[in-house]
């Protein structure tokens, strides 16, 4: 997958980022910092809602956290409690109305919601609710949750939340906020991460522990699957089982790629996990070569582990331009052919005349890697051997990662030998699924359906990114490669 800020056509769409805090007069600023630390999880839009115990104010916008918020907008968000969201759409088009957190007015008062994940039965629930008179404003599956909440007749918010979430199938880590309470909940399968920590008297909840670090909060624990945590200044932290836990299905790609290396996710330090992947890859897929290089930045730790396991030196043979993001466009047709050279540059002194092992975390369509292999060969490499720190991706994910359809996944229709020929490499080797699950710990319960096809729940048919839009719209944009 090359790195975490590739142009949109070259990548998976990532999982979203959640951050919430209770108990500091600087709640908006903390939320801003937390979302900044979670920027890798979504670069499409960002939003923060803040409460002072009486009223709720919000600010949302398209773009990176740095683009959306400034001193003036943060200054307008006064309060001791806040939730925030970074979005990259896996359901619903990229437009302003789909920015989270959502704010919903109902007989319960104002409720705000931020969601990370995908609901596989959202279309069916939405059709039912629309037939009963509900009017949807967005194209996201997340809006289904707030409609179910509003329709519940129980006076207890926690009971209403349990009723609503009991109808859902799929992945959801959620932050909800009312005037005086923050609610954090993780789905019964535990697909997406959600952790909590403390900084003095303040309670912080976030998708990853790196967001706790940036505000000086100490990591306490991850929420359990099906657990609800309620935080308020009045009652402190209250935990309860909201839904019965199912067979755990934590997304293995959080550890392989999505999470920041300095995070602890699913009880595992991410950087250490990736180095273990690299060492196992070296044991399974040895090659006679001179040097190991990574495809920066997401495969750096895996490449380091491969170098440690193989005894080969690791050097930086590709340099990444950190100032080319998802919004980079090619105004002239002739410029589009050089996009790999705009994003990356080969270091001839490292590559020249050498047999090179290129380590990446995964291959999706293969078109980006094909361009990079050409770049590496033009940099003087005598041989190029590709080693991948995960098994072949043969199946799409429906639980919060916008992977292409099976027909678009290169490993779904080609053998490793055919893939190697397409990419232009001298050899290709993947990490085995058995080694991956051994490193993760089979007892920890990981979802690896993208590799093996065994989904943890029944699917309702192929999903479409725009299927929930309230009116027909062109998809537009580019797809991951």
Foldseek 3Di string as FASTA:
>chain_A
DQELFDAFAADWQAWKKKKKKADAQQRLVLQLLLQLLQQSRAFFKKKKWAAALADIDMFIDTGHSVVRDDPVVSVVRTHRIMMMMHDDFLAFARDDQPYDQDWDQAPLGIKTKDKTKFWQCLVVLVVVVVVVPDDDDTGGSVVQLVVQLRPDPDPDSLLSNLVSLVVTDFWIFMWMDDNFKIKTAGALQRAFWKFWWDDVLMIMIIRWCSSCVSVPTDTDTTDHHQKMWMAGPVPGIDIDRSDHHDQHAYALCCLLFRPDQCTQTLNRRSLVLLLLLLLLLCVVPPDPWAEEEESPDRNPSSSVSVCVNHVHYYDHQKDADPPDGNPDDDPDPVCVVCVLVNGIAGDLVVAAATAYEYEYAAAFQLPSLLSVVVRSVVSHHPAYEYEHSAAQQQQDDRIRINGDHNVRGNVNPDDQVVSCVSSVHPYYYYRDPVSSCVSVPVVSHHNPCRRVVDDPDDGPDDDDNRPSGPDDDDNDDHHHD
